[in-house]
Protein backbone atom coordinates (compact mmCIF):
# COMPACT_ATOMS: atom_id res chain seq x y z
CA MET A 1 9.43 2.46 -24.42
CA ASP A 2 13.04 1.76 -23.50
CA GLU A 3 13.73 -1.99 -23.27
CA THR A 4 16.15 -1.41 -20.40
CA PHE A 5 13.12 -0.73 -18.19
CA ASP A 6 11.27 -3.94 -19.06
CA TYR A 7 11.75 -5.19 -15.50
CA ILE A 8 9.40 -2.43 -14.29
CA SER A 9 6.47 -3.76 -16.32
CA GLU A 10 7.16 -7.30 -15.06
CA ASN A 11 7.36 -6.08 -11.47
CA LEU A 12 4.11 -4.18 -11.87
CA LYS A 13 2.36 -7.29 -13.16
CA LYS A 14 3.48 -9.19 -10.03
CA ILE A 15 2.31 -6.41 -7.73
CA VAL A 16 -1.10 -6.25 -9.42
CA PHE A 17 -1.40 -10.04 -9.22
CA ASN A 18 -0.53 -10.07 -5.51
CA ILE A 19 -3.04 -7.33 -4.76
CA GLU A 20 -5.77 -9.20 -6.62
CA GLU A 21 -4.87 -12.36 -4.68
CA ALA A 22 -5.10 -10.48 -1.38
CA LYS A 23 -8.48 -9.05 -2.36
CA ALA A 24 -9.73 -12.48 -3.39
CA LYS A 25 -8.77 -13.88 0.04
CA TYR A 26 -9.78 -11.05 2.32
CA ARG A 27 -11.86 -8.44 0.52
CA SER A 28 -14.21 -7.93 -2.40
CA SER A 29 -12.80 -8.17 -5.90
CA ASN A 30 -14.63 -4.90 -6.58
CA ASP A 31 -12.60 -3.00 -4.00
CA ALA A 32 -10.28 -0.51 -5.67
CA VAL A 33 -6.65 -0.46 -4.52
CA GLU A 34 -4.44 2.15 -6.14
CA ILE A 35 -0.72 1.58 -6.64
CA MET A 36 1.53 4.55 -6.01
CA ALA A 37 5.03 4.49 -7.50
CA VAL A 38 7.44 5.87 -4.90
CA THR A 39 10.06 7.72 -6.91
CA LYS A 40 12.79 8.47 -4.36
CA THR A 41 16.20 8.29 -6.16
CA VAL A 42 14.52 6.88 -9.29
CA PRO A 43 15.43 8.66 -12.56
CA TYR A 44 12.52 10.33 -14.31
CA GLU A 45 12.98 8.10 -17.38
CA ALA A 46 12.17 5.02 -15.28
CA VAL A 47 9.26 6.82 -13.63
CA ASN A 48 7.81 7.75 -17.01
CA TYR A 49 8.15 4.15 -18.16
CA ALA A 50 6.07 3.09 -15.16
CA VAL A 51 3.46 5.69 -16.12
CA GLU A 52 3.31 4.24 -19.63
CA CYS A 53 2.77 0.83 -18.02
CA GLY A 54 -0.30 2.14 -16.24
CA ILE A 55 0.88 3.84 -13.04
CA ARG A 56 -1.22 6.94 -12.42
CA LEU A 57 0.10 8.05 -9.05
CA LEU A 58 3.61 9.11 -8.05
CA GLY A 59 4.86 9.57 -4.49
CA GLU A 60 7.59 12.11 -3.75
CA ASN A 61 9.60 12.08 -0.50
CA ARG A 62 11.97 15.01 -0.89
CA VAL A 63 11.16 18.53 -2.04
CA GLN A 64 14.51 19.23 -3.68
CA GLU A 65 14.56 15.97 -5.62
CA TYR A 66 10.97 16.49 -6.75
CA LEU A 67 11.75 19.98 -8.02
CA SER A 68 14.64 18.62 -10.06
CA LYS A 69 12.43 16.02 -11.80
CA LYS A 70 8.88 17.38 -11.92
CA ASP A 71 9.17 19.16 -15.27
CA PHE A 72 10.22 15.89 -16.92
CA TYR A 73 7.39 13.75 -15.57
CA ASN A 74 4.66 12.41 -17.81
CA PRO A 75 1.59 14.57 -17.04
CA LYS A 76 -0.68 11.51 -17.15
CA ALA A 77 0.23 10.82 -13.52
CA GLN A 78 -0.75 12.72 -10.41
CA VAL A 79 1.90 13.52 -7.82
CA HIS A 80 1.44 13.20 -4.06
CA PHE A 81 4.01 14.42 -1.56
CA ILE A 82 4.50 11.66 1.02
CA GLY A 83 7.64 12.66 2.93
CA HIS A 84 8.12 14.74 6.03
CA LEU A 85 7.37 18.32 5.05
CA GLN A 86 8.76 21.44 6.69
CA SER A 87 6.57 24.53 6.69
CA ASN A 88 9.17 26.60 4.84
CA LYS A 89 9.19 24.11 1.94
CA ILE A 90 5.44 24.11 1.24
CA LYS A 91 5.67 27.11 -1.06
CA TYR A 92 7.83 25.16 -3.50
CA ILE A 93 5.28 22.41 -4.09
CA ILE A 94 1.88 23.93 -3.31
CA ASP A 95 0.89 24.56 -6.93
CA SER A 96 2.29 21.40 -8.52
CA VAL A 97 1.32 18.44 -6.30
CA ASP A 98 -2.17 16.97 -6.18
CA MET A 99 -2.10 15.91 -2.54
CA ILE A 100 0.07 16.14 0.57
CA GLN A 101 -0.11 12.86 2.48
CA SER A 102 2.08 13.81 5.43
CA VAL A 103 0.13 16.39 7.44
CA ASP A 104 0.72 15.74 11.14
CA SER A 105 0.09 19.07 12.90
CA PHE A 106 -2.31 21.97 12.84
CA LYS A 107 0.62 24.35 12.35
CA LEU A 108 1.55 22.60 9.11
CA ALA A 109 -2.09 22.44 8.00
CA LYS A 110 -2.58 26.17 8.60
CA GLU A 111 0.45 27.04 6.49
CA ILE A 112 -0.73 24.78 3.65
CA ASP A 113 -4.15 26.43 3.89
CA ARG A 114 -2.63 29.93 3.80
CA LEU A 115 -0.47 29.24 0.77
CA ALA A 116 -3.28 27.41 -1.02
CA LYS A 117 -5.51 30.43 -0.49
CA ASN A 118 -2.81 32.68 -1.97
CA LYS A 119 -2.77 30.45 -5.06
CA ASN A 120 -6.57 30.29 -5.21
CA LEU A 121 -6.64 26.50 -4.91
CA LYS A 122 -7.74 23.79 -2.52
CA MET A 123 -5.20 21.21 -1.40
CA ASP A 124 -6.20 17.63 -0.62
CA VAL A 125 -4.33 16.14 2.33
CA LEU A 126 -4.07 12.98 4.37
CA ILE A 127 -3.36 12.94 8.08
CA GLU A 128 -0.19 11.00 8.86
CA VAL A 129 -0.62 8.83 11.95
CA ASN A 130 2.35 7.47 13.91
CA ILE A 131 0.49 4.26 14.59
CA GLY A 132 3.42 2.60 16.36
CA ASP A 133 4.24 5.65 18.51
CA GLU A 134 7.82 5.49 17.25
CA PRO A 135 9.98 8.46 18.34
CA SER A 136 12.00 8.27 15.12
CA LYS A 137 8.95 8.76 12.88
CA SER A 138 6.76 11.75 12.14
CA GLY A 139 3.01 11.56 12.39
CA ILE A 140 0.42 12.39 15.01
CA ALA A 141 -0.51 9.93 17.76
CA SER A 142 -3.56 7.85 16.94
CA THR A 143 -5.31 9.19 20.06
CA GLU A 144 -4.93 12.76 18.77
CA ALA A 145 -5.84 12.19 15.12
CA GLU A 146 -9.57 12.88 15.42
CA ASN A 147 -8.99 16.15 17.28
CA LEU A 148 -6.53 17.31 14.62
CA ILE A 149 -9.01 16.43 11.88
CA CYS A 150 -11.73 18.44 13.63
CA GLN A 151 -9.39 21.44 13.79
CA ILE A 152 -8.44 21.13 10.14
CA SER A 153 -12.08 20.81 9.09
CA GLN A 154 -12.42 24.54 9.80
CA LEU A 155 -9.82 25.49 7.17
CA GLU A 156 -11.31 26.61 3.86
CA ASN A 157 -8.53 25.78 1.41
CA LEU A 158 -7.60 22.35 2.68
CA LYS A 159 -9.56 19.11 2.43
CA VAL A 160 -8.83 15.99 4.49
CA LYS A 161 -9.28 12.91 2.30
CA GLY A 162 -8.20 10.23 4.74
CA LEU A 163 -5.28 8.78 6.70
CA MET A 164 -1.73 7.66 5.99
CA ALA A 165 0.61 5.54 8.10
CA ILE A 166 3.95 3.75 8.07
CA PRO A 167 3.59 0.92 10.62
CA PRO A 168 6.68 -0.33 12.48
CA VAL A 169 8.91 -2.63 10.44
CA GLY A 170 8.12 -6.23 11.34
CA GLY A 171 5.28 -5.11 13.59
CA GLY A 172 2.87 -7.63 12.17
CA GLU A 173 -0.81 -7.16 11.48
CA LYS A 174 -1.89 -5.42 14.68
CA TYR A 175 -0.85 -1.97 13.48
CA PHE A 176 -2.71 -2.38 10.20
CA GLU A 177 -5.77 -3.51 12.16
CA LYS A 178 -5.46 -0.50 14.46
CA MET A 179 -5.18 1.91 11.52
CA HIS A 180 -8.22 0.40 9.81
CA GLU A 181 -10.24 0.67 13.01
CA LEU A 182 -9.22 4.32 13.41
CA PHE A 183 -10.13 5.03 9.79
CA ILE A 184 -13.56 3.42 10.10
CA ASP A 185 -14.22 5.13 13.43
CA ILE A 186 -13.45 8.63 12.14
CA LYS A 187 -15.27 8.00 8.86
CA GLY A 188 -18.38 6.97 10.78
CA LYS A 189 -18.52 10.32 12.58
CA ASN A 190 -19.21 12.21 9.33
CA ILE A 191 -17.22 15.29 10.33
CA ASP A 192 -18.09 18.32 8.21
CA ASN A 193 -15.64 19.11 5.37
CA ILE A 194 -13.91 15.75 5.84
CA ASP A 195 -13.97 13.05 3.16
CA MET A 196 -12.55 9.88 4.67
CA SER A 197 -12.09 7.98 1.42
CA ILE A 198 -8.37 7.09 1.41
CA LEU A 199 -6.44 4.78 3.72
CA SER A 200 -2.84 4.94 2.54
CA MET A 201 -0.72 2.20 4.07
CA GLY A 202 1.47 -0.63 2.86
CA MET A 203 4.84 -0.53 1.12
CA SER A 204 7.02 -2.99 -0.77
CA SER A 205 7.55 -5.30 2.21
CA ASP A 206 3.99 -5.44 3.51
CA TYR A 207 1.48 -4.19 0.94
CA GLU A 208 -0.44 -7.47 0.83
CA LEU A 209 -1.04 -7.31 4.60
CA ALA A 210 -2.11 -3.70 4.22
CA VAL A 211 -4.62 -4.65 1.53
CA LYS A 212 -5.96 -7.38 3.82
CA HIS A 213 -6.66 -4.72 6.43
CA GLY A 214 -8.43 -2.17 4.29
CA SER A 215 -5.74 -0.13 2.57
CA ASN A 216 -6.88 1.33 -0.74
CA LEU A 217 -3.60 3.03 -1.63
CA VAL A 218 -0.27 1.20 -1.42
CA ARG A 219 3.07 2.97 -1.85
CA ILE A 220 5.56 0.82 -3.75
CA GLY A 221 9.18 1.71 -4.50
CA THR A 222 11.66 -1.16 -4.28
CA LYS A 223 9.30 -3.88 -5.54
CA LEU A 224 8.55 -1.77 -8.60
CA PHE A 225 11.85 -0.06 -9.44
CA GLY A 226 14.35 -2.37 -7.70
CA VAL A 227 16.71 -1.68 -4.80
CA ARG A 228 17.70 1.97 -4.53
CA LYS A 229 21.26 2.77 -5.50
């Protein structure tokens, strides 16, 4: 492994330590929390170094950037698409990503389902919730999430695996609490064809708070790879 990327392994150790500390304070030490490496603007060489350090999940924000790097990625890691996704871009990623975390409308879900059927595959998805009702962010309103999930449950080539959110910057713990409550509420309803197993929330600036409030998948970019250039 290239010594110039040593800082990544040190950063990962700190992230793992902080997650374990948060679990020790607020959760069970047996609770699994997966670390996703968010790869926006990060060269594939650095991403592959992170994979060699133990990262098994990559998060892609932009279709064009992902397409330029995907053939160089270490196949040990899964790739999730986490950015805003336009319907006309689905066809470029449908057969190479393992999950789409940013589904926020039935229109988008139907197109993913159609293209997945054409490829004879099933696509795992998360429902993106705009938990802070911010006009500048994508995601469905929390009050409409359950209805959308019920609609999507009828699609044969798409499987809802949970929820994703990006709470307002500096919004404190209330949005994490609200997301966890929504997750538990929907999970408890045992909707057919829905597997509410993933709550994806928490990024570099707030992942410890997210872990406190039930997140089992944190998306880390800056704290792992450094400030984007």
